[in-house]
PDB file of N, CA and C in Angstrom:
ATOM      1  N   MET A   1     127.918 114.323  87.393  1.00  0.00           N
ATOM      2  CA  MET A   1     127.238 114.200  89.005  1.00  0.00           C
ATOM      3  C   MET A   1     128.889 113.988  90.038  1.00  0.00           C
ATOM      4  N   ALA A   2     129.385 115.107  90.114  1.00  0.00           N
ATOM      5  CA  ALA A   2     130.618 115.365  91.541  1.00  0.00           C
ATOM      6  C   ALA A   2     130.231 114.355  92.040  1.00  0.00           C
ATOM      7  N   SER A   3     128.850 114.264  93.238  1.00  0.00           N
ATOM      8  CA  SER A   3     128.899 113.923  93.918  1.00  0.00           C
ATOM      9  C   SER A   3     129.666 111.468  93.845  1.00  0.00           C
ATOM     10  N   MET A   4     129.589 111.789  93.242  1.00  0.00           N
ATOM     11  CA  MET A   4     130.101 110.015  92.532  1.00  0.00           C
ATOM     12  C   MET A   4     131.204 110.048  92.939  1.00  0.00           C
ATOM     13  N   LEU A   5     131.947 111.360  92.901  1.00  0.00           N
ATOM     14  CA  LEU A   5     132.998 111.338  93.648  1.00  0.00           C
ATOM     15  C   LEU A   5     133.898 110.519  95.188  1.00  0.00           C
ATOM     16  N   THR A   6     133.324 110.995  95.658  1.00  0.00           N
ATOM     17  CA  THR A   6     132.854 110.395  97.254  1.00  0.00           C
ATOM     18  C   THR A   6     132.941 108.882  96.992  1.00  0.00           C
ATOM     19  N   ARG A   7     132.202 108.228  95.795  1.00  0.00           N
ATOM     20  CA  ARG A   7     131.436 106.824  95.667  1.00  0.00           C
ATOM     21  C   ARG A   7     130.415 106.340  97.155  1.00  0.00           C
ATOM     22  N   PRO A   8     129.455 107.579  96.884  1.00  0.00           N
ATOM     23  CA  PRO A   8     127.998 107.098  98.045  1.00  0.00           C
ATOM     24  C   PRO A   8     127.453 105.424  98.086  1.00  0.00           C
ATOM     25  N   LYS A   9     127.025 105.216  98.802  1.00  0.00           N
ATOM     26  CA  LYS A   9     126.766 104.209  98.680  1.00  0.00           C
ATOM     27  C   LYS A   9     124.718 104.298  98.501  1.00  0.00           C
ATOM     28  N   LEU A  10     124.098 105.675  98.487  1.00  0.00           N
ATOM     29  CA  LEU A  10     123.339 106.498  98.780  1.00  0.00           C
ATOM     30  C   LEU A  10     123.152 107.622  97.879  1.00  0.00           C
ATOM     31  N   VAL A  11     122.259 107.728  96.992  1.00  0.00           N
ATOM     32  CA  VAL A  11     121.863 109.030  96.276  1.00  0.00           C
ATOM     33  C   VAL A  11     121.242 109.444  95.625  1.00  0.00           C
ATOM     34  N   LEU A  12     120.460 110.677  96.165  1.00  0.00           N
ATOM     35  CA  LEU A  12     118.816 110.827  96.224  1.00  0.00           C
ATOM     36  C   LEU A  12     118.851 111.868  95.023  1.00  0.00           C
ATOM     37  N   LEU A  13     117.697 111.026  93.839  1.00  0.00           N
ATOM     38  CA  LEU A  13     117.701 112.800  93.359  1.00  0.00           C
ATOM     39  C   LEU A  13     116.930 113.028  92.909  1.00  0.00           C
ATOM     40  N   ASP A  14     116.368 114.465  93.017  1.00  0.00           N
ATOM     41  CA  ASP A  14     115.190 114.741  92.538  1.00  0.00           C
ATOM     42  C   ASP A  14     115.155 115.533  91.196  1.00  0.00           C
ATOM     43  N   GLU A  15     114.014 114.506  90.038  1.00  0.00           N
ATOM     44  CA  GLU A  15     113.342 114.783  88.555  1.00  0.00           C
ATOM     45  C   GLU A  15     114.479 114.919  88.548  1.00  0.00           C
ATOM     46  N   PRO A  16     115.115 113.759  88.419  1.00  0.00           N
ATOM     47  CA  PRO A  16     116.817 114.211  87.306  1.00  0.00           C
ATOM     48  C   PRO A  16     116.514 115.241  85.778  1.00  0.00           C
ATOM     49  N   SER A  17     114.823 114.735  84.861  1.00  0.00           N
ATOM     50  CA  SER A  17     115.035 114.427  84.085  1.00  0.00           C
ATOM     51  C   SER A  17     113.938 116.217  83.106  1.00  0.00           C
ATOM     52  N   MET A  18     113.263 116.866  84.730  1.00  0.00           N
ATOM     53  CA  MET A  18     113.280 118.027  84.234  1.00  0.00           C
ATOM     54  C   MET A  18     113.502 119.210  83.845  1.00  0.00           C
ATOM     55  N   GLY A  19     113.371 119.863  82.369  1.00  0.00           N
ATOM     56  CA  GLY A  19     113.111 120.639  81.108  1.00  0.00           C
ATOM     57  C   GLY A  19     114.266 119.973  80.630  1.00  0.00           C
ATOM     58  N   LEU A  20     114.741 118.060  80.417  1.00  0.00           N
ATOM     59  CA  LEU A  20     115.627 117.969  79.850  1.00  0.00           C
ATOM     60  C   LEU A  20     115.157 117.752  78.462  1.00  0.00           C
ATOM     61  N   ALA A  21     115.392 117.238  77.548  1.00  0.00           N
ATOM     62  CA  ALA A  21     115.668 116.997  75.584  1.00  0.00           C
ATOM     63  C   ALA A  21     115.075 115.782  76.043  1.00  0.00           C
ATOM     64  N   PRO A  22     114.327 114.211  75.746  1.00  0.00           N
ATOM     65  CA  PRO A  22     114.076 113.285  75.750  1.00  0.00           C
ATOM     66  C   PRO A  22     115.376 112.248  75.463  1.00  0.00           C
ATOM     67  N   ILE A  23     115.915 112.224  75.001  1.00  0.00           N
ATOM     68  CA  ILE A  23     117.553 112.007  74.554  1.00  0.00           C
ATOM     69  C   ILE A  23     118.600 111.725  75.332  1.00  0.00           C
ATOM     70  N   ILE A  24     118.665 112.971  75.550  1.00  0.00           N
ATOM     71  CA  ILE A  24     119.405 113.370  77.023  1.00  0.00           C
ATOM     72  C   ILE A  24     118.961 112.306  78.081  1.00  0.00           C
ATOM     73  N   VAL A  25     117.179 112.811  79.093  1.00  0.00           N
ATOM     74  CA  VAL A  25     116.766 111.952  80.273  1.00  0.00           C
ATOM     75  C   VAL A  25     117.016 111.011  79.363  1.00  0.00           C
ATOM     76  N   GLN A  26     117.145 109.784  78.878  1.00  0.00           N
ATOM     77  CA  GLN A  26     117.647 109.220  78.218  1.00  0.00           C
ATOM     78  C   GLN A  26     118.454 107.927  78.734  1.00  0.00           C
ATOM     79  N   GLU A  27     119.642 109.243  78.362  1.00  0.00           N
ATOM     80  CA  GLU A  27     121.736 108.699  78.811  1.00  0.00           C
ATOM     81  C   GLU A  27     121.554 109.338  79.840  1.00  0.00           C
ATOM     82  N   ILE A  28     120.293 109.766  81.484  1.00  0.00           N
ATOM     83  CA  ILE A  28     120.952 110.000  82.607  1.00  0.00           C
ATOM     84  C   ILE A  28     120.958 108.738  82.511  1.00  0.00           C
ATOM     85  N   PHE A  29     119.690 107.928  82.251  1.00  0.00           N
ATOM     86  CA  PHE A  29     119.166 107.313  83.476  1.00  0.00           C
ATOM     87  C   PHE A  29     119.644 106.179  82.552  1.00  0.00           C
ATOM     88  N   GLU A  30     119.932 106.047  81.544  1.00  0.00           N
ATOM     89  CA  GLU A  30     121.076 105.087  81.284  1.00  0.00           C
ATOM     90  C   GLU A  30     122.395 104.844  82.827  1.00  0.00           C
ATOM     91  N   ILE A  31     123.840 106.299  82.246  1.00  0.00           N
ATOM     92  CA  ILE A  31     124.299 106.723  83.368  1.00  0.00           C
ATOM     93  C   ILE A  31     124.262 105.897  84.661  1.00  0.00           C
ATOM     94  N   ILE A  32     122.838 106.220  85.226  1.00  0.00           N
ATOM     95  CA  ILE A  32     122.505 106.403  86.231  1.00  0.00           C
ATOM     96  C   ILE A  32     122.343 104.408  86.779  1.00  0.00           C
ATOM     97  N   GLU A  33     122.331 103.793  85.900  1.00  0.00           N
ATOM     98  CA  GLU A  33     121.840 102.635  86.066  1.00  0.00           C
ATOM     99  C   GLU A  33     122.900 101.822  85.711  1.00  0.00           C
ATOM    100  N   GLN A  34     124.185 101.708  84.686  1.00  0.00           N
ATOM    101  CA  GLN A  34     125.785 101.786  85.031  1.00  0.00           C
ATOM    102  C   GLN A  34     126.162 102.000  86.029  1.00  0.00           C
ATOM    103  N   LEU A  35     126.215 102.948  86.872  1.00  0.00           N
ATOM    104  CA  LEU A  35     126.280 103.342  88.010  1.00  0.00           C
ATOM    105  C   LEU A  35     125.829 102.544  89.111  1.00  0.00           C
ATOM    106  N   ASN A  36     125.097 101.745  89.053  1.00  0.00           N
ATOM    107  CA  ASN A  36     123.997 100.956  90.163  1.00  0.00           C
ATOM    108  C   ASN A  36     124.680 100.165  90.225  1.00  0.00           C
ATOM    109  N   LEU A  37     124.794  99.215  89.029  1.00  0.00           N
ATOM    110  CA  LEU A  37     125.530  97.754  88.415  1.00  0.00           C
ATOM    111  C   LEU A  37     126.873  97.432  88.856  1.00  0.00           C
ATOM    112  N   GLN A  38     127.486  98.519  87.968  1.00  0.00           N
ATOM    113  CA  GLN A  38     129.400  98.551  88.280  1.00  0.00           C
ATOM    114  C   GLN A  38     129.346  99.191  89.526  1.00  0.00           C
ATOM    115  N   ARG A  39     128.797  99.898  90.803  1.00  0.00           N
ATOM    116  CA  ARG A  39     129.866 100.229  91.406  1.00  0.00           C
ATOM    117  C   ARG A  39     128.313 100.220  92.396  1.00  0.00           C
ATOM    118  N   GLY A  40     126.831  99.448  92.826  1.00  0.00           N
ATOM    119  CA  GLY A  40     126.494  98.579  93.302  1.00  0.00           C
ATOM    120  C   GLY A  40     126.545 100.777  94.444  1.00  0.00           C
ATOM    121  N   THR A  41     126.381 101.126  93.763  1.00  0.00           N
ATOM    122  CA  THR A  41     125.491 102.609  93.993  1.00  0.00           C
ATOM    123  C   THR A  41     124.286 102.072  93.818  1.00  0.00           C
ATOM    124  N   VAL A  42     123.180 103.034  94.981  1.00  0.00           N
ATOM    125  CA  VAL A  42     122.276 103.122  95.446  1.00  0.00           C
ATOM    126  C   VAL A  42     121.251 104.108  95.251  1.00  0.00           C
ATOM    127  N   PHE A  43     120.168 104.443  94.616  1.00  0.00           N
ATOM    128  CA  PHE A  43     119.777 105.615  94.032  1.00  0.00           C
ATOM    129  C   PHE A  43     118.330 105.081  94.565  1.00  0.00           C
ATOM    130  N   LEU A  44     117.741 106.768  95.023  1.00  0.00           N
ATOM    131  CA  LEU A  44     116.784 107.000  94.955  1.00  0.00           C
ATOM    132  C   LEU A  44     116.339 107.811  95.083  1.00  0.00           C
ATOM    133  N   ILE A  45     115.060 108.295  93.420  1.00  0.00           N
ATOM    134  CA  ILE A  45     114.411 108.886  92.586  1.00  0.00           C
ATOM    135  C   ILE A  45     113.612 109.460  92.665  1.00  0.00           C
ATOM    136  N   ALA A  46     113.382 110.107  93.094  1.00  0.00           N
ATOM    137  CA  ALA A  46     111.911 111.156  93.301  1.00  0.00           C
ATOM    138  C   ALA A  46     111.459 111.958  91.424  1.00  0.00           C
ATOM    139  N   GLU A  47     110.576 110.629  90.849  1.00  0.00           N
ATOM    140  CA  GLU A  47     110.446 111.294  89.843  1.00  0.00           C
ATOM    141  C   GLU A  47     108.957 111.406  88.967  1.00  0.00           C
ATOM    142  N   GLN A  48     108.643 112.319  88.145  1.00  0.00           N
ATOM    143  CA  GLN A  48     107.486 112.289  87.373  1.00  0.00           C
ATOM    144  C   GLN A  48     106.946 111.988  86.036  1.00  0.00           C
ATOM    145  N   ASN A  49     108.340 110.707  85.572  1.00  0.00           N
ATOM    146  CA  ASN A  49     108.669 111.239  84.270  1.00  0.00           C
ATOM    147  C   ASN A  49     108.407 108.878  84.457  1.00  0.00           C
ATOM    148  N   ILE A  50     107.147 108.783  84.864  1.00  0.00           N
ATOM    149  CA  ILE A  50     107.037 107.388  85.117  1.00  0.00           C
ATOM    150  C   ILE A  50     107.904 107.036  84.174  1.00  0.00           C
ATOM    151  N   ASN A  51     107.247 106.413  82.697  1.00  0.00           N
ATOM    152  CA  ASN A  51     107.681 105.795  82.012  1.00  0.00           C
ATOM    153  C   ASN A  51     109.510 105.481  82.024  1.00  0.00           C
ATOM    154  N   VAL A  52     109.909 106.578  81.895  1.00  0.00           N
ATOM    155  CA  VAL A  52     111.852 106.451  81.777  1.00  0.00           C
ATOM    156  C   VAL A  52     111.861 105.586  82.951  1.00  0.00           C
ATOM    157  N   SER A  53     111.234 105.433  84.222  1.00  0.00           N
ATOM    158  CA  SER A  53     112.018 105.997  85.414  1.00  0.00           C
ATOM    159  C   SER A  53     111.497 104.736  85.754  1.00  0.00           C
ATOM    160  N   LEU A  54     110.810 103.626  85.706  1.00  0.00           N
ATOM    161  CA  LEU A  54     110.835 102.361  85.801  1.00  0.00           C
ATOM    162  C   LEU A  54     111.308 101.370  85.338  1.00  0.00           C
ATOM    163  N   ARG A  55     111.271 101.360  83.442  1.00  0.00           N
ATOM    164  CA  ARG A  55     112.564 101.201  83.273  1.00  0.00           C
ATOM    165  C   ARG A  55     113.657 100.783  83.218  1.00  0.00           C
ATOM    166  N   HIS A  56     114.257 101.930  84.505  1.00  0.00           N
ATOM    167  CA  HIS A  56     115.552 101.307  84.765  1.00  0.00           C
ATOM    168  C   HIS A  56     115.570 101.491  86.185  1.00  0.00           C
ATOM    169  N   ALA A  57     114.749 100.618  86.674  1.00  0.00           N
ATOM    170  CA  ALA A  57     114.408 100.608  88.509  1.00  0.00           C
ATOM    171  C   ALA A  57     114.262  99.332  88.660  1.00  0.00           C
ATOM    172  N   ARG A  58     114.811  98.695  89.214  1.00  0.00           N
ATOM    173  CA  ARG A  58     113.945  97.428  90.493  1.00  0.00           C
ATOM    174  C   ARG A  58     112.574  97.074  90.559  1.00  0.00           C
ATOM    175  N   ARG A  59     112.419  98.732  91.422  1.00  0.00           N
ATOM    176  CA  ARG A  59     111.477  98.896  92.710  1.00  0.00           C
ATOM    177  C   ARG A  59     110.640 100.099  92.199  1.00  0.00           C
ATOM    178  N   GLY A  60     109.440 100.282  92.334  1.00  0.00           N
ATOM    179  CA  GLY A  60     108.766 101.516  92.472  1.00  0.00           C
ATOM    180  C   GLY A  60     107.740 101.848  93.868  1.00  0.00           C
ATOM    181  N   TYR A  61     108.035 103.035  93.911  1.00  0.00           N
ATOM    182  CA  TYR A  61     106.626 102.737  94.844  1.00  0.00           C
ATOM    183  C   TYR A  61     106.307 104.632  94.650  1.00  0.00           C
ATOM    184  N   VAL A  62     104.475 104.234  95.331  1.00  0.00           N
ATOM    185  CA  VAL A  62     103.487 105.528  94.681  1.00  0.00           C
ATOM    186  C   VAL A  62     103.694 106.708  96.241  1.00  0.00           C
ATOM    187  N   ILE A  63     104.154 107.350  96.161  1.00  0.00           N
ATOM    188  CA  ILE A  63     103.462 108.289  97.384  1.00  0.00           C
ATOM    189  C   ILE A  63     102.290 108.681  97.595  1.00  0.00           C
ATOM    190  N   ASP A  64     101.563 109.417  98.755  1.00  0.00           N
ATOM    191  CA  ASP A  64     100.240 109.619  98.428  1.00  0.00           C
ATOM    192  C   ASP A  64     100.418 110.594 100.392  1.00  0.00           C
ATOM    193  N   SER A  65     100.422 111.567 100.102  1.00  0.00           N
ATOM    194  CA  SER A  65     100.565 112.053 101.590  1.00  0.00           C
ATOM    195  C   SER A  65     101.041 112.124 102.516  1.00  0.00           C
ATOM    196  N   ALA A  66     102.452 111.775 102.061  1.00  0.00           N
ATOM    197  CA  ALA A  66     103.325 111.443 103.139  1.00  0.00           C
ATOM    198  C   ALA A  66     103.536 109.865 103.698  1.00  0.00           C
ATOM    199  N   TRP A  67     102.174 109.576 103.054  1.00  0.00           N
ATOM    200  CA  TRP A  67     102.282 107.344 102.828  1.00  0.00           C
ATOM    201  C   TRP A  67     102.912 106.953 101.143  1.00  0.00           C
ATOM    202  N   VAL A  68     103.436 105.749 101.881  1.00  0.00           N
ATOM    203  CA  VAL A  68     102.967 104.559 100.301  1.00  0.00           C
ATOM    204  C   VAL A  68     102.997 103.869 100.407  1.00  0.00           C
ATOM    205  N   ALA A  69     101.852 104.826  99.613  1.00  0.00           N
ATOM    206  CA  ALA A  69     100.542 104.079  98.880  1.00  0.00           C
ATOM    207  C   ALA A  69     100.851 102.512  98.512  1.00  0.00           C
ATOM    208  N   LEU A  70     101.171 102.487  97.452  1.00  0.00           N
ATOM    209  CA  LEU A  70     101.944 101.330  96.372  1.00  0.00           C
ATOM    210  C   LEU A  70     103.792 101.609  96.269  1.00  0.00           C
ATOM    211  N   SER A  71     103.952 100.009  96.720  1.00  0.00           N
ATOM    212  CA  SER A  71     104.919  99.481  96.155  1.00  0.00           C
ATOM    213  C   SER A  71     105.408  98.067  95.647  1.00  0.00           C
ATOM    214  N   GLY A  72     105.792  97.811  94.664  1.00  0.00           N
ATOM    215  CA  GLY A  72     106.235  96.626  94.002  1.00  0.00           C
ATOM    216  C   GLY A  72     107.055  96.578  92.605  1.00  0.00           C
ATOM    217  N   ASN A  73     107.606  95.754  92.393  1.00  0.00           N
ATOM    218  CA  ASN A  73     109.290  95.319  91.255  1.00  0.00           C
ATOM    219  C   ASN A  73     108.071  96.133  90.241  1.00  0.00           C
ATOM    220  N   ALA A  74     109.096  97.070  89.796  1.00  0.00           N
ATOM    221  CA  ALA A  74     109.439  98.294  88.458  1.00  0.00           C
ATOM    222  C   ALA A  74     108.334  97.856  87.249  1.00  0.00           C
ATOM    223  N   SER A  75     108.865  96.500  86.742  1.00  0.00           N
ATOM    224  CA  SER A  75     108.631  95.651  85.774  1.00  0.00           C
ATOM    225  C   SER A  75     106.181  95.058  85.833  1.00  0.00           C
ATOM    226  N   ASP A  76     105.279  95.817  86.996  1.00  0.00           N
ATOM    227  CA  ASP A  76     105.119  95.667  88.065  1.00  0.00           C
ATOM    228  C   ASP A  76     103.768  96.352  87.356  1.00  0.00           C
ATOM    229  N   PHE A  77     104.799  97.762  87.577  1.00  0.00           N
ATOM    230  CA  PHE A  77     104.588  99.039  87.680  1.00  0.00           C
ATOM    231  C   PHE A  77     103.748  99.156  86.649  1.00  0.00           C
ATOM    232  N   LEU A  78     104.744  99.129  85.314  1.00  0.00           N
ATOM    233  CA  LEU A  78     105.432  99.600  83.649  1.00  0.00           C
ATOM    234  C   LEU A  78     103.777  98.837  83.531  1.00  0.00           C
ATOM    235  N   VAL A  79     103.465  97.859  83.861  1.00  0.00           N
ATOM    236  CA  VAL A  79     102.128  96.807  82.964  1.00  0.00           C
ATOM    237  C   VAL A  79     100.710  96.909  83.566  1.00  0.00           C
ATOM    238  N   ARG A  80     100.852  98.142  84.733  1.00  0.00           N
ATOM    239  CA  ARG A  80     100.140  98.876  85.588  1.00  0.00           C
ATOM    240  C   ARG A  80      98.425  99.470  84.631  1.00  0.00           C
ATOM    241  N   GLY A  81      97.698 100.035  84.863  1.00  0.00           N
ATOM    242  CA  GLY A  81      97.351 101.049  83.591  1.00  0.00           C
ATOM    243  C   GLY A  81      96.915 102.352  83.772  1.00  0.00           C
ATOM    244  N   ASN A  82      97.125 102.536  85.229  1.00  0.00           N
ATOM    245  CA  ASN A  82      96.290 103.703  86.254  1.00  0.00           C
ATOM    246  C   ASN A  82      97.326 104.395  87.152  1.00  0.00           C
ATOM    247  N   LEU A  83      98.501 103.797  86.065  1.00  0.00           N
ATOM    248  CA  LEU A  83      99.194 105.417  87.559  1.00  0.00           C
ATOM    249  C   LEU A  83      99.588 106.895  87.652  1.00  0.00           C
ATOM    250  N   HIS A  84      99.750 107.419  85.704  1.00  0.00           N
ATOM    251  CA  HIS A  84      99.460 108.546  86.013  1.00  0.00           C
ATOM    252  C   HIS A  84      98.066 109.249  86.430  1.00  0.00           C
ATOM    253  N   GLY A  85      96.378 108.168  86.414  1.00  0.00           N
ATOM    254  CA  GLY A  85      95.438 108.447  87.390  1.00  0.00           C
ATOM    255  C   GLY A  85      95.733 108.665  88.834  1.00  0.00           C
ATOM    256  N   ILE A  86      96.561 107.617  89.329  1.00  0.00           N
ATOM    257  CA  ILE A  86      97.007 107.532  91.225  1.00  0.00           C
ATOM    258  C   ILE A  86      97.295 109.028  91.053  1.00  0.00           C
ATOM    259  N   PHE A  87      98.109 109.334  90.333  1.00  0.00           N
ATOM    260  CA  PHE A  87      99.640 110.233  90.537  1.00  0.00           C
ATOM    261  C   PHE A  87      98.511 111.410  90.328  1.00  0.00           C
ATOM    262  N   LEU A  88      97.275 112.402  89.117  1.00  0.00           N
ATOM    263  CA  LEU A  88      96.635 113.014  89.407  1.00  0.00           C
ATOM    264  C   LEU A  88      95.589 113.103  90.469  1.00  0.00           C
ATOM    265  N   GLY A  89      95.258 111.752  91.006  1.00  0.00           N
ATOM    266  CA  GLY A  89      94.085 111.973  91.934  1.00  0.00           C
ATOM    267  C   GLY A  89      92.962 111.686  91.584  1.00  0.00           C
ATOM    268  N   VAL A  90      93.368 111.124  89.980  1.00  0.00           N
ATOM    269  CA  VAL A  90      91.430 110.803  89.406  1.00  0.00           C
ATOM    270  C   VAL A  90      91.275 109.497  89.720  1.00  0.00           C
ATOM    271  N   SER A  91      92.277 108.009  89.770  1.00  0.00           N
ATOM    272  CA  SER A  91      91.919 106.447  89.969  1.00  0.00           C
ATOM    273  C   SER A  91      93.037 106.837  92.265  1.00  0.00           C
ATOM    274  N   THR A  92      92.341 105.399  92.509  1.00  0.00           N
ATOM    275  CA  THR A  92      92.552 105.570  93.905  1.00  0.00           C
ATOM    276  C   THR A  92      93.841 103.916  93.506  1.00  0.00           C
ATOM    277  N   VAL A  93      94.461 103.120  95.157  1.00  0.00           N
ATOM    278  CA  VAL A  93      95.465 102.830  94.945  1.00  0.00           C
ATOM    279  C   VAL A  93      94.119 101.298  95.638  1.00  0.00           C
ATOM    280  N   ALA A  94      93.696 100.644  95.375  1.00  0.00           N
ATOM    281  CA  ALA A  94      92.543 100.435  96.740  1.00  0.00           C
ATOM    282  C   ALA A  94      92.592  99.211  95.483  1.00  0.00           C
ATOM    283  N   GLY A  95      92.557  97.235  96.225  1.00  0.00           N
ATOM    284  CA  GLY A  95      93.025  96.808  95.052  1.00  0.00           C
ATOM    285  C   GLY A  95      94.357  96.502  94.043  1.00  0.00           C
ATOM    286  N   ASN A  96      94.803  97.493  95.238  1.00  0.00           N
ATOM    287  CA  ASN A  96      96.761  97.844  93.849  1.00  0.00           C
ATOM    288  C   ASN A  96      97.091  95.866  93.734  1.00  0.00           C
ATOM    289  N   GLY A  97      96.936  95.127  94.438  1.00  0.00           N
ATOM    290  CA  GLY A  97      97.073  93.548  94.621  1.00  0.00           C
ATOM    291  C   GLY A  97      98.812  93.970  94.192  1.00  0.00           C
ATOM    292  N   PHE A  98      99.658  95.361  94.938  1.00  0.00           N
ATOM    293  CA  PHE A  98     101.397  95.799  95.116  1.00  0.00           C
ATOM    294  C   PHE A  98     100.959  95.107  96.972  1.00  0.00           C
ATOM    295  N   SER A  99     102.474  95.327  97.027  1.00  0.00           N
ATOM    296  CA  SER A  99     102.912  95.087  98.755  1.00  0.00           C
ATOM    297  C   SER A  99     104.188  95.609  99.237  1.00  0.00           C
TER     298      SER A  99
END
């Protein structure tokens, strides 16, 4: 992560897990979490690997057609059963209980 040399306040990562072995993905997310805790760097991560990303996040957002369809605590998203369905377009966000 050469971008970390400048000590940015915000880093945007697009699919950091794409094409990587699961153990490497876990290591990357642990490093991201440590950088957030130790340096206060905020990471905005666009990620399809819902479970891994939410286990290391505080907040989660579901974007649908350029709009925030759901937002909430990452832990609340983890217990929700239909996130993959929403992502694939087979579930809706109506009555989501999130704000």
